[in-house]
N, C-alpha and C. Protein backbone atom coordinates (compact mmCIF):
# COMPACT_ATOMS: atom_id res chain seq x y z
N MET A 1 0.85 -1.19 0.00
CA MET A 1 0.00 0.00 0.00
C MET A 1 0.88 1.23 0.00
N MET A 2 0.59 2.18 -0.83
CA MET A 2 1.37 3.41 -0.90
C MET A 2 1.05 4.28 0.31
N SER A 3 2.07 5.02 0.78
CA SER A 3 1.85 5.87 1.95
C SER A 3 0.78 6.93 1.68
N ASP A 4 0.66 7.39 0.42
CA ASP A 4 -0.39 8.37 0.12
C ASP A 4 -1.77 7.77 0.39
N SER A 5 -1.95 6.51 0.06
CA SER A 5 -3.23 5.84 0.34
C SER A 5 -3.46 5.75 1.84
N LEU A 6 -2.41 5.44 2.57
CA LEU A 6 -2.53 5.34 4.02
C LEU A 6 -2.88 6.70 4.61
N SER A 7 -2.28 7.76 4.10
CA SER A 7 -2.61 9.11 4.57
C SER A 7 -4.07 9.44 4.30
N THR A 8 -4.56 9.03 3.15
CA THR A 8 -5.96 9.28 2.79
C THR A 8 -6.90 8.53 3.74
N VAL A 9 -6.54 7.30 4.08
CA VAL A 9 -7.35 6.51 5.01
C VAL A 9 -7.37 7.15 6.39
N PHE A 10 -6.19 7.52 6.90
CA PHE A 10 -6.15 8.14 8.23
C PHE A 10 -6.87 9.48 8.24
N ALA A 11 -6.77 10.25 7.18
CA ALA A 11 -7.50 11.52 7.10
C ALA A 11 -9.01 11.28 7.14
N ALA A 12 -9.46 10.24 6.43
CA ALA A 12 -10.88 9.91 6.44
C ALA A 12 -11.33 9.47 7.83
N LEU A 13 -10.49 8.73 8.52
CA LEU A 13 -10.83 8.23 9.86
C LEU A 13 -10.73 9.29 10.94
N ALA A 14 -10.14 10.44 10.61
CA ALA A 14 -9.95 11.49 11.61
C ALA A 14 -11.26 12.15 12.03
N ASP A 15 -12.29 12.01 11.24
CA ASP A 15 -13.57 12.66 11.54
C ASP A 15 -14.52 11.71 12.25
N PRO A 16 -15.09 12.12 13.39
CA PRO A 16 -15.99 11.22 14.14
C PRO A 16 -17.26 10.85 13.38
N THR A 17 -17.75 11.74 12.53
CA THR A 17 -18.95 11.42 11.74
C THR A 17 -18.63 10.29 10.77
N ARG A 18 -17.47 10.37 10.13
CA ARG A 18 -17.10 9.31 9.18
C ARG A 18 -16.86 7.99 9.91
N ARG A 19 -16.27 8.04 11.10
CA ARG A 19 -16.09 6.80 11.87
C ARG A 19 -17.45 6.21 12.24
N ALA A 20 -18.41 7.05 12.59
CA ALA A 20 -19.76 6.56 12.92
C ALA A 20 -20.42 5.95 11.69
N ILE A 21 -20.21 6.55 10.54
CA ILE A 21 -20.77 5.99 9.30
C ILE A 21 -20.17 4.61 9.04
N LEU A 22 -18.86 4.48 9.19
CA LEU A 22 -18.22 3.17 8.99
C LEU A 22 -18.75 2.14 9.99
N ALA A 23 -18.95 2.57 11.23
CA ALA A 23 -19.49 1.65 12.24
C ALA A 23 -20.87 1.17 11.84
N ARG A 24 -21.68 2.07 11.32
CA ARG A 24 -23.02 1.69 10.86
C ARG A 24 -22.94 0.72 9.69
N LEU A 25 -22.03 0.97 8.75
CA LEU A 25 -21.89 0.11 7.58
C LEU A 25 -21.29 -1.25 7.93
N ALA A 26 -20.63 -1.35 9.06
CA ALA A 26 -20.11 -2.65 9.50
C ALA A 26 -21.26 -3.63 9.76
N GLY A 27 -22.45 -3.08 10.01
CA GLY A 27 -23.64 -3.90 10.22
C GLY A 27 -24.36 -4.26 8.94
N GLY A 28 -23.91 -3.74 7.80
CA GLY A 28 -24.55 -4.04 6.53
C GLY A 28 -24.75 -2.78 5.70
N GLU A 29 -25.10 -2.97 4.45
CA GLU A 29 -25.25 -1.83 3.54
C GLU A 29 -26.39 -0.92 3.99
N ALA A 30 -26.30 0.33 3.55
CA ALA A 30 -27.30 1.33 3.93
C ALA A 30 -27.36 2.41 2.86
N THR A 31 -28.49 3.07 2.78
CA THR A 31 -28.64 4.20 1.86
C THR A 31 -28.12 5.47 2.51
N VAL A 32 -27.98 6.51 1.73
CA VAL A 32 -27.55 7.81 2.27
C VAL A 32 -28.57 8.29 3.31
N ASN A 33 -29.85 8.11 3.03
CA ASN A 33 -30.87 8.51 4.01
C ASN A 33 -30.72 7.75 5.31
N ASP A 34 -30.46 6.44 5.22
CA ASP A 34 -30.24 5.64 6.44
C ASP A 34 -29.04 6.17 7.22
N LEU A 35 -27.97 6.46 6.49
CA LEU A 35 -26.74 6.92 7.14
C LEU A 35 -26.89 8.32 7.73
N ALA A 36 -27.71 9.14 7.10
CA ALA A 36 -27.89 10.52 7.56
C ALA A 36 -28.80 10.62 8.78
N ALA A 37 -29.66 9.62 8.97
CA ALA A 37 -30.69 9.70 10.01
C ALA A 37 -30.18 10.10 11.40
N PRO A 38 -29.10 9.52 11.91
CA PRO A 38 -28.70 9.87 13.28
C PRO A 38 -27.98 11.21 13.43
N PHE A 39 -27.70 11.88 12.31
CA PHE A 39 -26.91 13.11 12.37
C PHE A 39 -27.78 14.34 12.14
N ALA A 40 -27.43 15.41 12.80
CA ALA A 40 -28.12 16.69 12.60
C ALA A 40 -27.38 17.46 11.51
N MET A 41 -27.44 16.91 10.30
CA MET A 41 -26.81 17.58 9.17
C MET A 41 -27.59 17.27 7.91
N SER A 42 -27.37 18.05 6.90
CA SER A 42 -28.09 17.89 5.64
C SER A 42 -27.60 16.67 4.87
N LEU A 43 -28.43 16.21 3.93
CA LEU A 43 -28.01 15.11 3.06
C LEU A 43 -26.77 15.47 2.25
N PRO A 44 -26.67 16.70 1.72
CA PRO A 44 -25.44 17.04 1.01
C PRO A 44 -24.19 16.96 1.90
N ALA A 45 -24.33 17.32 3.17
CA ALA A 45 -23.19 17.23 4.09
C ALA A 45 -22.79 15.78 4.31
N VAL A 46 -23.78 14.90 4.47
CA VAL A 46 -23.49 13.47 4.62
C VAL A 46 -22.86 12.94 3.34
N SER A 47 -23.36 13.38 2.21
CA SER A 47 -22.79 12.96 0.92
C SER A 47 -21.33 13.34 0.80
N LYS A 48 -20.96 14.50 1.32
CA LYS A 48 -19.54 14.91 1.30
C LYS A 48 -18.70 13.95 2.13
N HIS A 49 -19.21 13.55 3.29
CA HIS A 49 -18.49 12.57 4.12
C HIS A 49 -18.35 11.25 3.36
N LEU A 50 -19.41 10.85 2.68
CA LEU A 50 -19.36 9.60 1.93
C LEU A 50 -18.33 9.67 0.80
N LYS A 51 -18.20 10.82 0.17
CA LYS A 51 -17.21 10.97 -0.91
C LYS A 51 -15.79 10.83 -0.35
N VAL A 52 -15.55 11.38 0.83
CA VAL A 52 -14.24 11.24 1.46
C VAL A 52 -13.95 9.77 1.75
N LEU A 53 -14.94 9.07 2.30
CA LEU A 53 -14.77 7.64 2.59
C LEU A 53 -14.57 6.83 1.31
N GLU A 54 -15.28 7.21 0.27
CA GLU A 54 -15.16 6.51 -1.01
C GLU A 54 -13.77 6.74 -1.63
N ARG A 55 -13.28 7.98 -1.59
CA ARG A 55 -11.94 8.28 -2.11
C ARG A 55 -10.86 7.51 -1.36
N ALA A 56 -11.09 7.29 -0.07
CA ALA A 56 -10.13 6.54 0.74
C ALA A 56 -10.26 5.03 0.51
N GLY A 57 -11.26 4.62 -0.26
CA GLY A 57 -11.46 3.21 -0.54
C GLY A 57 -12.15 2.46 0.58
N LEU A 58 -12.72 3.20 1.55
CA LEU A 58 -13.35 2.58 2.72
C LEU A 58 -14.79 2.16 2.48
N ILE A 59 -15.42 2.74 1.47
CA ILE A 59 -16.79 2.33 1.12
C ILE A 59 -16.90 2.22 -0.39
N THR A 60 -17.90 1.48 -0.80
CA THR A 60 -18.28 1.45 -2.21
C THR A 60 -19.75 1.81 -2.27
N ARG A 61 -20.15 2.38 -3.39
CA ARG A 61 -21.56 2.73 -3.57
C ARG A 61 -22.06 2.02 -4.82
N GLY A 62 -23.13 1.28 -4.64
CA GLY A 62 -23.73 0.56 -5.75
C GLY A 62 -24.79 1.39 -6.43
N ARG A 63 -25.39 0.79 -7.43
CA ARG A 63 -26.48 1.48 -8.12
C ARG A 63 -27.49 0.42 -8.53
N ASP A 64 -28.70 0.57 -8.04
CA ASP A 64 -29.80 -0.32 -8.39
C ASP A 64 -31.03 0.57 -8.56
N ALA A 65 -31.22 1.07 -9.78
CA ALA A 65 -32.28 2.05 -10.08
C ALA A 65 -32.05 3.28 -9.20
N GLN A 66 -33.01 3.65 -8.39
CA GLN A 66 -32.87 4.81 -7.50
C GLN A 66 -32.15 4.45 -6.20
N TYR A 67 -32.05 3.18 -5.92
CA TYR A 67 -31.43 2.70 -4.68
C TYR A 67 -29.91 2.66 -4.86
N ARG A 68 -29.18 3.43 -4.08
CA ARG A 68 -27.72 3.46 -4.17
C ARG A 68 -27.12 3.05 -2.83
N PRO A 69 -27.05 1.77 -2.57
CA PRO A 69 -26.54 1.34 -1.27
C PRO A 69 -25.04 1.59 -1.10
N CYS A 70 -24.66 1.93 0.11
CA CYS A 70 -23.26 2.09 0.48
C CYS A 70 -22.84 0.83 1.23
N ARG A 71 -21.63 0.38 0.96
CA ARG A 71 -21.11 -0.82 1.62
C ARG A 71 -19.71 -0.53 2.15
N LEU A 72 -19.41 -1.13 3.28
CA LEU A 72 -18.07 -1.03 3.86
C LEU A 72 -17.11 -1.84 3.01
N HIS A 73 -15.94 -1.28 2.75
CA HIS A 73 -14.85 -2.00 2.09
C HIS A 73 -13.68 -1.92 3.06
N ALA A 74 -13.43 -3.01 3.79
CA ALA A 74 -12.53 -2.98 4.94
C ALA A 74 -11.05 -3.16 4.62
N ASP A 75 -10.70 -3.47 3.39
CA ASP A 75 -9.28 -3.70 3.08
C ASP A 75 -8.37 -2.55 3.51
N PRO A 76 -8.73 -1.30 3.24
CA PRO A 76 -7.86 -0.21 3.69
C PRO A 76 -7.72 -0.15 5.22
N LEU A 77 -8.74 -0.59 5.94
CA LEU A 77 -8.63 -0.63 7.41
C LEU A 77 -7.60 -1.67 7.83
N ALA A 78 -7.56 -2.79 7.13
CA ALA A 78 -6.56 -3.83 7.42
C ALA A 78 -5.16 -3.30 7.15
N ASP A 79 -5.00 -2.54 6.07
CA ASP A 79 -3.70 -1.94 5.76
C ASP A 79 -3.28 -0.98 6.86
N ALA A 80 -4.21 -0.16 7.34
CA ALA A 80 -3.92 0.78 8.42
C ALA A 80 -3.57 0.03 9.71
N ALA A 81 -4.28 -1.05 9.99
CA ALA A 81 -4.00 -1.85 11.19
C ALA A 81 -2.61 -2.48 11.11
N ARG A 82 -2.22 -2.95 9.93
CA ARG A 82 -0.87 -3.51 9.77
C ARG A 82 0.19 -2.44 10.01
N TRP A 83 -0.05 -1.22 9.53
CA TRP A 83 0.90 -0.14 9.74
C TRP A 83 1.01 0.17 11.24
N LEU A 84 -0.12 0.26 11.91
CA LEU A 84 -0.12 0.55 13.35
C LEU A 84 0.52 -0.58 14.15
N ASP A 85 0.36 -1.79 13.67
CA ASP A 85 0.88 -2.96 14.39
C ASP A 85 2.40 -2.92 14.54
N ARG A 86 3.07 -2.23 13.63
CA ARG A 86 4.53 -2.11 13.73
C ARG A 86 4.95 -1.41 15.03
N TYR A 87 4.05 -0.63 15.60
CA TYR A 87 4.36 0.12 16.81
C TYR A 87 3.91 -0.60 18.08
N ARG A 88 3.31 -1.76 17.93
CA ARG A 88 2.83 -2.52 19.08
C ARG A 88 3.97 -2.86 20.04
N VAL A 89 5.12 -3.25 19.53
CA VAL A 89 6.26 -3.59 20.37
C VAL A 89 6.64 -2.40 21.24
N PHE A 90 6.67 -1.21 20.64
CA PHE A 90 6.99 -0.01 21.41
C PHE A 90 5.97 0.22 22.52
N TRP A 91 4.66 0.14 22.16
CA TRP A 91 3.62 0.36 23.15
C TRP A 91 3.71 -0.66 24.28
N GLU A 92 3.88 -1.92 23.92
CA GLU A 92 3.94 -2.97 24.94
C GLU A 92 5.13 -2.77 25.86
N ALA A 93 6.28 -2.39 25.31
CA ALA A 93 7.46 -2.13 26.13
C ALA A 93 7.21 -0.94 27.05
N SER A 94 6.53 0.08 26.54
CA SER A 94 6.22 1.25 27.37
C SER A 94 5.28 0.87 28.51
N PHE A 95 4.29 0.06 28.23
CA PHE A 95 3.37 -0.39 29.28
C PHE A 95 4.09 -1.27 30.29
N ASP A 96 5.01 -2.11 29.83
CA ASP A 96 5.78 -2.95 30.75
C ASP A 96 6.61 -2.08 31.69
N ARG A 97 7.25 -1.03 31.16
CA ARG A 97 8.04 -0.12 32.00
C ARG A 97 7.13 0.60 33.00
N LEU A 98 5.95 1.01 32.56
CA LEU A 98 5.01 1.68 33.45
C LEU A 98 4.57 0.73 34.56
N ASP A 99 4.25 -0.51 34.21
CA ASP A 99 3.86 -1.50 35.22
C ASP A 99 4.97 -1.69 36.25
N GLU A 100 6.20 -1.78 35.77
CA GLU A 100 7.33 -1.97 36.67
C GLU A 100 7.48 -0.76 37.60
N HIS A 101 7.35 0.43 37.06
CA HIS A 101 7.46 1.65 37.87
C HIS A 101 6.35 1.71 38.92
N LEU A 102 5.13 1.41 38.53
CA LEU A 102 4.02 1.43 39.48
C LEU A 102 4.21 0.38 40.57
N SER A 103 4.72 -0.77 40.18
CA SER A 103 5.00 -1.82 41.16
C SER A 103 6.05 -1.35 42.16
N ASP A 104 7.09 -0.69 41.65
CA ASP A 104 8.14 -0.16 42.54
C ASP A 104 7.56 0.89 43.48
N LEU A 105 6.68 1.75 42.97
CA LEU A 105 6.08 2.78 43.83
C LEU A 105 5.25 2.14 44.94
N ARG A 106 4.52 1.07 44.60
CA ARG A 106 3.70 0.40 45.61
C ARG A 106 4.59 -0.23 46.69
N LYS A 107 5.76 -0.69 46.30
CA LYS A 107 6.68 -1.32 47.26
C LYS A 107 7.50 -0.29 48.01
N GLY A 108 7.36 1.01 47.63
CA GLY A 108 8.11 2.06 48.29
C GLY A 108 9.47 2.29 47.70
N LYS A 109 9.75 1.66 46.56
CA LYS A 109 11.04 1.84 45.89
C LYS A 109 10.91 2.92 44.82
N THR A 110 11.92 3.75 44.73
CA THR A 110 12.02 4.70 43.61
C THR A 110 13.49 4.84 43.25
N ASP A 111 13.74 5.35 42.08
CA ASP A 111 15.13 5.55 41.63
C ASP A 111 15.69 6.89 42.08
N ASP A 112 14.87 7.72 42.73
CA ASP A 112 15.31 9.06 43.12
C ASP A 112 16.29 9.04 44.22
């Protein structure tokens, strides 16, 4: 995956409305009206969010006469998760050091 694609995915995920839309689509396809229902925004505003998600490759939109269902396309999320996973070792080591420090504090030991 190219880093530009990864940047596009993370930019799309940066907005809470778009994350909520993806969460809804994880339960199955939905129309723009279905997706707009829980938000206090216009259909054109929701459509703009959908375009961002579509450009990032996170959703696809079908066409069946007037019915245009949106579907989650999770492959870019897997790519983002793989990228983040490279930092898991760092996070786990940091948590291990924190656990050790807290344990020392409980025992009354400090390095000071």
